[in-house]
Amino acid sequence: PEIYGVDGKCQVSVEYDKNDKPTNVSCVVVSIQTKESVERN
């Protein structure tokens, strides 16, 4: 709780082959609230 706030969202992108079967996750996006002055690292 000293690092993160409670607001946030995420999205996951999945790549499919020509047979419409999932092969890999191409991208993950996370936007999450952090407390003031908390560094990215």
PDB file of all heavy atoms in Angstrom:
ATOM      1  N   PRO A   1       0.807  -1.227   0.000  1.00  0.00           N
ATOM      2  CA  PRO A   1       0.000   0.000   0.000  1.00  0.00           C
ATOM      3  C   PRO A   1       0.840   1.278   0.000  1.00  0.00           C
ATOM      4  O   PRO A   1       0.337   2.346  -0.358  1.00  0.00           O
ATOM      5  CB  PRO A   1      -0.830  -0.126   1.284  1.00  0.00           C
ATOM      6  CG  PRO A   1      -0.035  -1.024   2.171  1.00  0.00           C
ATOM      7  CD  PRO A   1       0.632  -2.000   1.254  1.00  0.00           C
ATOM      8  N   GLU A   2       2.111   1.132   0.402  1.00  0.00           N
ATOM      9  CA  GLU A   2       2.995   2.306   0.401  1.00  0.00           C
ATOM     10  C   GLU A   2       3.508   2.620  -1.008  1.00  0.00           C
ATOM     11  O   GLU A   2       4.066   3.701  -1.246  1.00  0.00           O
ATOM     12  CB  GLU A   2       4.174   2.078   1.352  1.00  0.00           C
ATOM     13  CG  GLU A   2       5.229   1.101   0.875  1.00  0.00           C
ATOM     14  CD  GLU A   2       4.849  -0.372   1.030  1.00  0.00           C
ATOM     15  OE1 GLU A   2       3.712  -0.675   1.452  1.00  0.00           O
ATOM     16  OE2 GLU A   2       5.704  -1.234   0.722  1.00  0.00           O
ATOM     17  N   ILE A   3       3.308   1.678  -1.937  1.00  0.00           N
ATOM     18  CA  ILE A   3       3.791   1.879  -3.313  1.00  0.00           C
ATOM     19  C   ILE A   3       2.642   2.187  -4.275  1.00  0.00           C
ATOM     20  O   ILE A   3       2.733   3.107  -5.092  1.00  0.00           O
ATOM     21  CB  ILE A   3       4.545   0.625  -3.805  1.00  0.00           C
ATOM     22  CG1 ILE A   3       5.784   0.369  -2.939  1.00  0.00           C
ATOM     23  CG2 ILE A   3       4.932   0.769  -5.283  1.00  0.00           C
ATOM     24  CD1 ILE A   3       6.561  -0.876  -3.341  1.00  0.00           C
ATOM     25  N   TYR A   4       1.528   1.416  -4.168  1.00  0.00           N
ATOM     26  CA  TYR A   4       0.474   1.480  -5.181  1.00  0.00           C
ATOM     27  C   TYR A   4      -0.817   2.074  -4.635  1.00  0.00           C
ATOM     28  O   TYR A   4      -1.190   1.859  -3.471  1.00  0.00           O
ATOM     29  CB  TYR A   4       0.172   0.079  -5.724  1.00  0.00           C
ATOM     30  CG  TYR A   4       1.362  -0.629  -6.310  1.00  0.00           C
ATOM     31  CD1 TYR A   4       1.996  -1.654  -5.614  1.00  0.00           C
ATOM     32  CD2 TYR A   4       1.856  -0.274  -7.556  1.00  0.00           C
ATOM     33  CE1 TYR A   4       3.089  -2.318  -6.152  1.00  0.00           C
ATOM     34  CE2 TYR A   4       2.946  -0.927  -8.108  1.00  0.00           C
ATOM     35  CZ  TYR A   4       3.570  -1.946  -7.393  1.00  0.00           C
ATOM     36  OH  TYR A   4       4.655  -2.586  -7.930  1.00  0.00           O
ATOM     37  N   GLY A   5      -1.513   2.800  -5.508  1.00  0.00           N
ATOM     38  CA  GLY A   5      -2.890   3.191  -5.240  1.00  0.00           C
ATOM     39  C   GLY A   5      -3.819   2.096  -5.736  1.00  0.00           C
ATOM     40  O   GLY A   5      -3.369   1.070  -6.254  1.00  0.00           O
ATOM     41  N   VAL A   6      -5.122   2.305  -5.618  1.00  0.00           N
ATOM     42  CA  VAL A   6      -6.063   1.220  -5.939  1.00  0.00           C
ATOM     43  C   VAL A   6      -6.632   1.307  -7.356  1.00  0.00           C
ATOM     44  O   VAL A   6      -7.360   0.417  -7.778  1.00  0.00           O
ATOM     45  CB  VAL A   6      -7.234   1.183  -4.921  1.00  0.00           C
ATOM     46  CG1 VAL A   6      -6.712   0.850  -3.540  1.00  0.00           C
ATOM     47  CG2 VAL A   6      -8.001   2.502  -4.903  1.00  0.00           C
ATOM     48  N   ASP A   7      -6.302   2.342  -8.083  1.00  0.00           N
ATOM     49  CA  ASP A   7      -6.837   2.515  -9.437  1.00  0.00           C
ATOM     50  C   ASP A   7      -5.854   1.921 -10.450  1.00  0.00           C
ATOM     51  O   ASP A   7      -4.635   1.952 -10.243  1.00  0.00           O
ATOM     52  CB  ASP A   7      -7.058   4.004  -9.723  1.00  0.00           C
ATOM     53  CG  ASP A   7      -7.814   4.254 -11.021  1.00  0.00           C
ATOM     54  OD1 ASP A   7      -8.262   3.270 -11.648  1.00  0.00           O
ATOM     55  OD2 ASP A   7      -7.955   5.428 -11.399  1.00  0.00           O
ATOM     56  N   GLY A   8      -6.386   1.392 -11.523  1.00  0.00           N
ATOM     57  CA  GLY A   8      -5.520   0.887 -12.567  1.00  0.00           C
ATOM     58  C   GLY A   8      -6.256   0.022 -13.568  1.00  0.00           C
ATOM     59  O   GLY A   8      -7.409  -0.353 -13.366  1.00  0.00           O
ATOM     60  N   LYS A   9      -5.578  -0.288 -14.657  1.00  0.00           N
ATOM     61  CA  LYS A   9      -6.146  -1.170 -15.675  1.00  0.00           C
ATOM     62  C   LYS A   9      -5.012  -1.802 -16.463  1.00  0.00           C
ATOM     63  O   LYS A   9      -3.853  -1.369 -16.396  1.00  0.00           O
ATOM     64  CB  LYS A   9      -7.087  -0.404 -16.598  1.00  0.00           C
ATOM     65  CG  LYS A   9      -6.515   0.831 -17.263  1.00  0.00           C
ATOM     66  CD  LYS A   9      -7.620   1.573 -18.024  1.00  0.00           C
ATOM     67  CE  LYS A   9      -7.093   2.853 -18.649  1.00  0.00           C
ATOM     68  NZ  LYS A   9      -8.162   3.565 -19.393  1.00  0.00           N
ATOM     69  N   CYS A  10      -5.360  -2.841 -17.215  1.00  0.00           N
ATOM     70  CA  CYS A  10      -4.356  -3.541 -18.003  1.00  0.00           C
ATOM     71  C   CYS A  10      -5.002  -4.068 -19.274  1.00  0.00           C
ATOM     72  O   CYS A  10      -6.218  -4.197 -19.351  1.00  0.00           O
ATOM     73  CB  CYS A  10      -3.736  -4.687 -17.203  1.00  0.00           C
ATOM     74  SG  CYS A  10      -4.940  -5.909 -16.609  1.00  0.00           S
ATOM     75  N   GLN A  11      -4.167  -4.364 -20.253  1.00  0.00           N
ATOM     76  CA  GLN A  11      -4.678  -5.020 -21.451  1.00  0.00           C
ATOM     77  C   GLN A  11      -3.624  -5.987 -21.979  1.00  0.00           C
ATOM     78  O   GLN A  11      -2.428  -5.781 -21.815  1.00  0.00           O
ATOM     79  CB  GLN A  11      -5.101  -4.017 -22.525  1.00  0.00           C
ATOM     80  CG  GLN A  11      -4.013  -3.172 -23.120  1.00  0.00           C
ATOM     81  CD  GLN A  11      -4.554  -2.182 -24.152  1.00  0.00           C
ATOM     82  OE1 GLN A  11      -5.637  -1.626 -23.998  1.00  0.00           O
ATOM     83  NE2 GLN A  11      -3.784  -1.946 -25.195  1.00  0.00           N
ATOM     84  N   VAL A  12      -4.134  -7.046 -22.587  1.00  0.00           N
ATOM     85  CA  VAL A  12      -3.268  -8.104 -23.103  1.00  0.00           C
ATOM     86  C   VAL A  12      -3.598  -8.339 -24.574  1.00  0.00           C
ATOM     87  O   VAL A  12      -4.777  -8.509 -24.931  1.00  0.00           O
ATOM     88  CB  VAL A  12      -3.454  -9.412 -22.302  1.00  0.00           C
ATOM     89  CG1 VAL A  12      -2.613 -10.533 -22.912  1.00  0.00           C
ATOM     90  CG2 VAL A  12      -3.080  -9.204 -20.834  1.00  0.00           C
ATOM     91  N   SER A  13      -2.566  -8.344 -25.408  1.00  0.00           N
ATOM     92  CA  SER A  13      -2.728  -8.608 -26.839  1.00  0.00           C
ATOM     93  C   SER A  13      -2.177  -9.991 -27.161  1.00  0.00           C
ATOM     94  O   SER A  13      -1.029 -10.305 -26.813  1.00  0.00           O
ATOM     95  CB  SER A  13      -1.984  -7.555 -27.661  1.00  0.00           C
ATOM     96  OG  SER A  13      -2.489  -6.262 -27.404  1.00  0.00           O
ATOM     97  N   VAL A  14      -2.998 -10.808 -27.821  1.00  0.00           N
ATOM     98  CA  VAL A  14      -2.616 -12.179 -28.152  1.00  0.00           C
ATOM     99  C   VAL A  14      -2.537 -12.331 -29.666  1.00  0.00           C
ATOM    100  O   VAL A  14      -3.463 -11.949 -30.389  1.00  0.00           O
ATOM    101  CB  VAL A  14      -3.635 -13.188 -27.573  1.00  0.00           C
ATOM    102  CG1 VAL A  14      -3.254 -14.612 -27.984  1.00  0.00           C
ATOM    103  CG2 VAL A  14      -3.702 -13.065 -26.053  1.00  0.00           C
ATOM    104  N   GLU A  15      -1.427 -12.900 -30.129  1.00  0.00           N
ATOM    105  CA  GLU A  15      -1.234 -13.131 -31.569  1.00  0.00           C
ATOM    106  C   GLU A  15      -1.700 -14.541 -31.925  1.00  0.00           C
ATOM    107  O   GLU A  15      -1.471 -15.490 -31.171  1.00  0.00           O
ATOM    108  CB  GLU A  15       0.231 -12.946 -31.933  1.00  0.00           C
ATOM    109  CG  GLU A  15       0.489 -12.921 -33.430  1.00  0.00           C
ATOM    110  CD  GLU A  15       1.882 -12.428 -33.776  1.00  0.00           C
ATOM    111  OE1 GLU A  15       2.630 -12.017 -32.864  1.00  0.00           O
ATOM    112  OE2 GLU A  15       2.217 -12.463 -34.974  1.00  0.00           O
ATOM    113  N   TYR A  16      -2.350 -14.665 -33.093  1.00  0.00           N
ATOM    114  CA  TYR A  16      -2.911 -15.936 -33.553  1.00  0.00           C
ATOM    115  C   TYR A  16      -2.277 -16.330 -34.876  1.00  0.00           C
ATOM    116  O   TYR A  16      -1.875 -15.481 -35.678  1.00  0.00           O
ATOM    117  CB  TYR A  16      -4.422 -15.817 -33.735  1.00  0.00           C
ATOM    118  CG  TYR A  16      -5.185 -15.677 -32.435  1.00  0.00           C
ATOM    119  CD1 TYR A  16      -5.154 -14.484 -31.717  1.00  0.00           C
ATOM    120  CD2 TYR A  16      -5.926 -16.737 -31.923  1.00  0.00           C
ATOM    121  CE1 TYR A  16      -5.834 -14.358 -30.517  1.00  0.00           C
ATOM    122  CE2 TYR A  16      -6.612 -16.617 -30.726  1.00  0.00           C
ATOM    123  CZ  TYR A  16      -6.569 -15.422 -30.030  1.00  0.00           C
ATOM    124  OH  TYR A  16      -7.232 -15.303 -28.839  1.00  0.00           O
ATOM    125  N   ASP A  17      -2.233 -17.657 -35.120  1.00  0.00           N
ATOM    126  CA  ASP A  17      -1.724 -18.132 -36.401  1.00  0.00           C
ATOM    127  C   ASP A  17      -2.857 -18.198 -37.424  1.00  0.00           C
ATOM    128  O   ASP A  17      -4.001 -17.818 -37.136  1.00  0.00           O
ATOM    129  CB  ASP A  17      -1.028 -19.488 -36.248  1.00  0.00           C
ATOM    130  CG  ASP A  17      -1.967 -20.595 -35.764  1.00  0.00           C
ATOM    131  OD1 ASP A  17      -3.202 -20.451 -35.902  1.00  0.00           O
ATOM    132  OD2 ASP A  17      -1.467 -21.618 -35.269  1.00  0.00           O
ATOM    133  N   LYS A  18      -2.576 -18.718 -38.600  1.00  0.00           N
ATOM    134  CA  LYS A  18      -3.564 -18.725 -39.672  1.00  0.00           C
ATOM    135  C   LYS A  18      -4.732 -19.660 -39.381  1.00  0.00           C
ATOM    136  O   LYS A  18      -5.783 -19.573 -40.004  1.00  0.00           O
ATOM    137  CB  LYS A  18      -2.907 -19.110 -40.992  1.00  0.00           C
ATOM    138  CG  LYS A  18      -2.279 -20.502 -40.994  1.00  0.00           C
ATOM    139  CD  LYS A  18      -1.604 -20.780 -42.328  1.00  0.00           C
ATOM    140  CE  LYS A  18      -0.980 -22.177 -42.347  1.00  0.00           C
ATOM    141  NZ  LYS A  18      -0.314 -22.434 -43.645  1.00  0.00           N
ATOM    142  N   ASN A  19      -4.550 -20.567 -38.411  1.00  0.00           N
ATOM    143  CA  ASN A  19      -5.635 -21.469 -38.004  1.00  0.00           C
ATOM    144  C   ASN A  19      -6.401 -20.936 -36.797  1.00  0.00           C
ATOM    145  O   ASN A  19      -7.178 -21.668 -36.181  1.00  0.00           O
ATOM    146  CB  ASN A  19      -5.061 -22.852 -37.687  1.00  0.00           C
ATOM    147  CG  ASN A  19      -4.434 -23.511 -38.900  1.00  0.00           C
ATOM    148  OD1 ASN A  19      -5.010 -23.506 -39.993  1.00  0.00           O
ATOM    149  ND2 ASN A  19      -3.239 -24.066 -38.725  1.00  0.00           N
ATOM    150  N   ASP A  20      -6.161 -19.678 -36.472  1.00  0.00           N
ATOM    151  CA  ASP A  20      -6.828 -18.993 -35.364  1.00  0.00           C
ATOM    152  C   ASP A  20      -6.494 -19.626 -34.013  1.00  0.00           C
ATOM    153  O   ASP A  20      -7.327 -19.667 -33.111  1.00  0.00           O
ATOM    154  CB  ASP A  20      -8.350 -18.957 -35.562  1.00  0.00           C
ATOM    155  CG  ASP A  20      -8.987 -17.766 -34.842  1.00  0.00           C
ATOM    156  OD1 ASP A  20      -8.321 -16.720 -34.713  1.00  0.00           O
ATOM    157  OD2 ASP A  20     -10.147 -17.881 -34.388  1.00  0.00           O
ATOM    158  N   LYS A  21      -5.257 -20.096 -33.874  1.00  0.00           N
ATOM    159  CA  LYS A  21      -4.769 -20.631 -32.607  1.00  0.00           C
ATOM    160  C   LYS A  21      -3.813 -19.621 -31.980  1.00  0.00           C
ATOM    161  O   LYS A  21      -2.938 -19.071 -32.664  1.00  0.00           O
ATOM    162  CB  LYS A  21      -4.037 -21.965 -32.815  1.00  0.00           C
ATOM    163  CG  LYS A  21      -4.916 -23.088 -33.333  1.00  0.00           C
ATOM    164  CD  LYS A  21      -5.918 -23.533 -32.277  1.00  0.00           C
ATOM    165  CE  LYS A  21      -6.730 -24.733 -32.746  1.00  0.00           C
ATOM    166  NZ  LYS A  21      -7.761 -25.133 -31.759  1.00  0.00           N
ATOM    167  N   PRO A  22      -3.960 -19.347 -30.684  1.00  0.00           N
ATOM    168  CA  PRO A  22      -3.058 -18.387 -30.038  1.00  0.00           C
ATOM    169  C   PRO A  22      -1.629 -18.912 -29.998  1.00  0.00           C
ATOM    170  O   PRO A  22      -1.396 -20.087 -29.659  1.00  0.00           O
ATOM    171  CB  PRO A  22      -3.637 -18.240 -28.627  1.00  0.00           C
ATOM    172  CG  PRO A  22      -4.465 -19.462 -28.407  1.00  0.00           C
ATOM    173  CD  PRO A  22      -4.965 -19.877 -29.746  1.00  0.00           C
ATOM    174  N   THR A  23      -0.687 -18.052 -30.373  1.00  0.00           N
ATOM    175  CA  THR A  23       0.718 -18.474 -30.401  1.00  0.00           C
ATOM    176  C   THR A  23       1.549 -17.771 -29.334  1.00  0.00           C
ATOM    177  O   THR A  23       2.424 -18.377 -28.724  1.00  0.00           O
ATOM    178  CB  THR A  23       1.338 -18.194 -31.773  1.00  0.00           C
ATOM    179  OG1 THR A  23       1.198 -16.784 -32.079  1.00  0.00           O
ATOM    180  CG2 THR A  23       0.640 -19.020 -32.858  1.00  0.00           C
ATOM    181  N   ASN A  24       1.292 -16.494 -29.120  1.00  0.00           N
ATOM    182  CA  ASN A  24       2.082 -15.757 -28.132  1.00  0.00           C
ATOM    183  C   ASN A  24       1.376 -14.464 -27.742  1.00  0.00           C
ATOM    184  O   ASN A  24       0.461 -13.994 -28.447  1.00  0.00           O
ATOM    185  CB  ASN A  24       3.475 -15.441 -28.667  1.00  0.00           C
ATOM    186  CG  ASN A  24       3.436 -14.470 -29.835  1.00  0.00           C
ATOM    187  OD1 ASN A  24       3.094 -14.849 -30.960  1.00  0.00           O
ATOM    188  ND2 ASN A  24       3.773 -13.217 -29.578  1.00  0.00           N
ATOM    189  N   VAL A  25       1.792 -13.902 -26.633  1.00  0.00           N
ATOM    190  CA  VAL A  25       1.325 -12.584 -26.209  1.00  0.00           C
ATOM    191  C   VAL A  25       2.270 -11.554 -26.801  1.00  0.00           C
ATOM    192  O   VAL A  25       3.479 -11.577 -26.526  1.00  0.00           O
ATOM    193  CB  VAL A  25       1.281 -12.476 -24.674  1.00  0.00           C
ATOM    194  CG1 VAL A  25       1.030 -11.038 -24.243  1.00  0.00           C
ATOM    195  CG2 VAL A  25       0.200 -13.392 -24.103  1.00  0.00           C
ATOM    196  N   SER A  26       1.733 -10.670 -27.628  1.00  0.00           N
ATOM    197  CA  SER A  26       2.587  -9.696 -28.308  1.00  0.00           C
ATOM    198  C   SER A  26       2.804  -8.433 -27.485  1.00  0.00           C
ATOM    199  O   SER A  26       3.835  -7.773 -27.621  1.00  0.00           O
ATOM    200  CB  SER A  26       1.984  -9.325 -29.666  1.00  0.00           C
ATOM    201  OG  SER A  26       0.694  -8.751 -29.503  1.00  0.00           O
ATOM    202  N   CYS A  27       1.819  -8.113 -26.605  1.00  0.00           N
ATOM    203  CA  CYS A  27       1.968  -6.879 -25.831  1.00  0.00           C
ATOM    204  C   CYS A  27       1.143  -6.944 -24.551  1.00  0.00           C
ATOM    205  O   CYS A  27       0.016  -7.459 -24.549  1.00  0.00           O
ATOM    206  CB  CYS A  27       1.528  -5.670 -26.665  1.00  0.00           C
ATOM    207  SG  CYS A  27       1.840  -4.068 -25.875  1.00  0.00           S
ATOM    208  N   VAL A  28       1.714  -6.418 -23.476  1.00  0.00           N
ATOM    209  CA  VAL A  28       1.010  -6.256 -22.205  1.00  0.00           C
ATOM    210  C   VAL A  28       1.141  -4.804 -21.785  1.00  0.00           C
ATOM    211  O   VAL A  28       2.250  -4.253 -21.765  1.00  0.00           O
ATOM    212  CB  VAL A  28       1.597  -7.164 -21.103  1.00  0.00           C
ATOM    213  CG1 VAL A  28       0.828  -6.970 -19.798  1.00  0.00           C
ATOM    214  CG2 VAL A  28       1.583  -8.620 -21.528  1.00  0.00           C
ATOM    215  N   VAL A  29       0.011  -4.188 -21.481  1.00  0.00           N
ATOM    216  CA  VAL A  29       0.015  -2.795 -21.023  1.00  0.00           C
ATOM    217  C   VAL A  29      -0.561  -2.741 -19.615  1.00  0.00           C
ATOM    218  O   VAL A  29      -1.637  -3.290 -19.360  1.00  0.00           O
ATOM    219  CB  VAL A  29      -0.820  -1.884 -21.951  1.00  0.00           C
ATOM    220  CG1 VAL A  29      -0.745  -0.438 -21.473  1.00  0.00           C
ATOM    221  CG2 VAL A  29      -0.344  -1.992 -23.393  1.00  0.00           C
ATOM    222  N   VAL A  30       0.156  -2.112 -18.713  1.00  0.00           N
ATOM    223  CA  VAL A  30      -0.314  -1.930 -17.343  1.00  0.00           C
ATOM    224  C   VAL A  30      -0.233  -0.449 -16.996  1.00  0.00           C
ATOM    225  O   VAL A  30       0.834   0.171 -17.117  1.00  0.00           O
ATOM    226  CB  VAL A  30       0.524  -2.738 -16.332  1.00  0.00           C
ATOM    227  CG1 VAL A  30       0.120  -2.374 -14.899  1.00  0.00           C
ATOM    228  CG2 VAL A  30       0.356  -4.223 -16.564  1.00  0.00           C
ATOM    229  N   SER A  31      -1.349   0.101 -16.586  1.00  0.00           N
ATOM    230  CA  SER A  31      -1.382   1.461 -16.052  1.00  0.00           C
ATOM    231  C   SER A  31      -1.919   1.359 -14.635  1.00  0.00           C
ATOM    232  O   SER A  31      -3.098   1.042 -14.437  1.00  0.00           O
ATOM    233  CB  SER A  31      -2.281   2.363 -16.906  1.00  0.00           C
ATOM    234  OG  SER A  31      -1.751   2.515 -18.207  1.00  0.00           O
ATOM    235  N   ILE A  32      -1.059   1.608 -13.654  1.00  0.00           N
ATOM    236  CA  ILE A  32      -1.439   1.431 -12.264  1.00  0.00           C
ATOM    237  C   ILE A  32      -1.045   2.657 -11.448  1.00  0.00           C
ATOM    238  O   ILE A  32       0.044   3.214 -11.626  1.00  0.00           O
ATOM    239  CB  ILE A  32      -0.803   0.148 -11.677  1.00  0.00           C
ATOM    240  CG1 ILE A  32      -1.313  -0.129 -10.261  1.00  0.00           C
ATOM    241  CG2 ILE A  32       0.709   0.199 -11.726  1.00  0.00           C
ATOM    242  CD1 ILE A  32      -0.905  -1.496  -9.725  1.00  0.00           C
ATOM    243  N   GLN A  33      -1.951   3.061 -10.590  1.00  0.00           N
ATOM    244  CA  GLN A  33      -1.709   4.227  -9.746  1.00  0.00           C
ATOM    245  C   GLN A  33      -0.591   3.928  -8.746  1.00  0.00           C
ATOM    246  O   GLN A  33      -0.534   2.843  -8.156  1.00  0.00           O
ATOM    247  CB  GLN A  33      -2.994   4.591  -8.998  1.00  0.00           C
ATOM    248  CG  GLN A  33      -2.900   5.854  -8.168  1.00  0.00           C
ATOM    249  CD  GLN A  33      -4.177   6.104  -7.364  1.00  0.00           C
ATOM    250  OE1 GLN A  33      -5.049   5.245  -7.310  1.00  0.00           O
ATOM    251  NE2 GLN A  33      -4.276   7.266  -6.755  1.00  0.00           N
ATOM    252  N   THR A  34       0.300   4.873  -8.588  1.00  0.00           N
ATOM    253  CA  THR A  34       1.359   4.743  -7.597  1.00  0.00           C
ATOM    254  C   THR A  34       1.302   5.931  -6.638  1.00  0.00           C
ATOM    255  O   THR A  34       0.733   6.980  -6.954  1.00  0.00           O
ATOM    256  CB  THR A  34       2.748   4.693  -8.258  1.00  0.00           C
ATOM    257  OG1 THR A  34       2.970   5.912  -8.976  1.00  0.00           O
ATOM    258  CG2 THR A  34       2.844   3.517  -9.209  1.00  0.00           C
ATOM    259  N   LYS A  35       1.885   5.727  -5.479  1.00  0.00           N
ATOM    260  CA  LYS A  35       1.927   6.803  -4.497  1.00  0.00           C
ATOM    261  C   LYS A  35       2.944   7.858  -4.935  1.00  0.00           C
ATOM    262  O   LYS A  35       3.894   7.569  -5.673  1.00  0.00           O
ATOM    263  CB  LYS A  35       2.282   6.252  -3.111  1.00  0.00           C
ATOM    264  CG  LYS A  35       1.239   5.276  -2.567  1.00  0.00           C
ATOM    265  CD  LYS A  35      -0.112   5.948  -2.371  1.00  0.00           C
ATOM    266  CE  LYS A  35      -1.202   4.974  -1.938  1.00  0.00           C
ATOM    267  NZ  LYS A  35      -1.019   4.453  -0.589  1.00  0.00           N
ATOM    268  N   GLU A  36       2.749   9.058  -4.462  1.00  0.00           N
ATOM    269  CA  GLU A  36       3.617  10.173  -4.845  1.00  0.00           C
ATOM    270  C   GLU A  36       5.064   9.900  -4.441  1.00  0.00           C
ATOM    271  O   GLU A  36       5.334   9.340  -3.377  1.00  0.00           O
ATOM    272  CB  GLU A  36       3.109  11.456  -4.182  1.00  0.00           C
ATOM    273  CG  GLU A  36       3.658  12.718  -4.807  1.00  0.00           C
ATOM    274  CD  GLU A  36       2.932  13.962  -4.338  1.00  0.00           C
ATOM    275  OE1 GLU A  36       2.007  13.840  -3.526  1.00  0.00           O
ATOM    276  OE2 GLU A  36       3.307  15.064  -4.790  1.00  0.00           O
ATOM    277  N   SER A  37       5.976  10.272  -5.311  1.00  0.00           N
ATOM    278  CA  SER A  37       7.431  10.186  -5.078  1.00  0.00           C
ATOM    279  C   SER A  37       7.969   8.752  -5.136  1.00  0.00           C
ATOM    280  O   SER A  37       9.134   8.521  -4.813  1.00  0.00           O
ATOM    281  CB  SER A  37       7.822  10.811  -3.727  1.00  0.00           C
ATOM    282  OG  SER A  37       7.423  12.169  -3.682  1.00  0.00           O
ATOM    283  N   VAL A  38       7.146   7.780  -5.539  1.00  0.00           N
ATOM    284  CA  VAL A  38       7.644   6.413  -5.706  1.00  0.00           C
ATOM    285  C   VAL A  38       8.314   6.308  -7.074  1.00  0.00           C
ATOM    286  O   VAL A  38       7.705   6.596  -8.102  1.00  0.00           O
ATOM    287  CB  VAL A  38       6.506   5.379  -5.584  1.00  0.00           C
ATOM    288  CG1 VAL A  38       7.030   3.976  -5.895  1.00  0.00           C
ATOM    289  CG2 VAL A  38       5.906   5.421  -4.191  1.00  0.00           C
ATOM    290  N   GLU A  39       9.563   5.890  -7.081  1.00  0.00           N
ATOM    291  CA  GLU A  39      10.327   5.811  -8.321  1.00  0.00           C
ATOM    292  C   GLU A  39       9.941   4.552  -9.126  1.00  0.00           C
ATOM    293  O   GLU A  39       9.512   3.547  -8.569  1.00  0.00           O
ATOM    294  CB  GLU A  39      11.826   5.762  -8.012  1.00  0.00           C
ATOM    295  CG  GLU A  39      12.358   6.993  -7.281  1.00  0.00           C
ATOM    296  CD  GLU A  39      12.342   8.235  -8.165  1.00  0.00           C
ATOM    297  OE1 GLU A  39      12.413   8.083  -9.406  1.00  0.00           O
ATOM    298  OE2 GLU A  39      12.245   9.341  -7.613  1.00  0.00           O
ATOM    299  N   ARG A  40      10.152   4.652 -10.430  1.00  0.00           N
ATOM    300  CA  ARG A  40       9.810   3.542 -11.324  1.00  0.00           C
ATOM    301  C   ARG A  40      10.541   2.259 -10.939  1.00  0.00           C
ATOM    302  O   ARG A  40       9.964   1.171 -10.996  1.00  0.00           O
ATOM    303  CB  ARG A  40      10.137   3.933 -12.778  1.00  0.00           C
ATOM    304  CG  ARG A  40       9.872   2.817 -13.790  1.00  0.00           C
ATOM    305  CD  ARG A  40      10.084   3.293 -15.208  1.00  0.00           C
ATOM    306  NE  ARG A  40       9.004   4.141 -15.636  1.00  0.00           N
ATOM    307  CZ  ARG A  40       7.889   3.731 -16.228  1.00  0.00           C
ATOM    308  NH1 ARG A  40       7.703   2.432 -16.439  1.00  0.00           N
ATOM    309  NH2 ARG A  40       6.964   4.572 -16.605  1.00  0.00           N
ATOM    310  N   ASN A  41      11.797   2.364 -10.557  1.00  0.00           N
ATOM    311  CA  ASN A  41      12.553   1.148 -10.236  1.00  0.00           C
ATOM    312  C   ASN A  41      12.007   0.437  -9.004  1.00  0.00           C
ATOM    313  O   ASN A  41      12.344  -0.711  -8.744  1.00  0.00           O
ATOM    314  CB  ASN A  41      14.043   1.471 -10.053  1.00  0.00           C
ATOM    315  CG  ASN A  41      14.289   2.480  -8.930  1.00  0.00           C
ATOM    316  OD1 ASN A  41      13.383   2.822  -8.181  1.00  0.00           O
ATOM    317  ND2 ASN A  41      15.518   2.947  -8.818  1.00  0.00           N
TER     318      ASN A  41
END
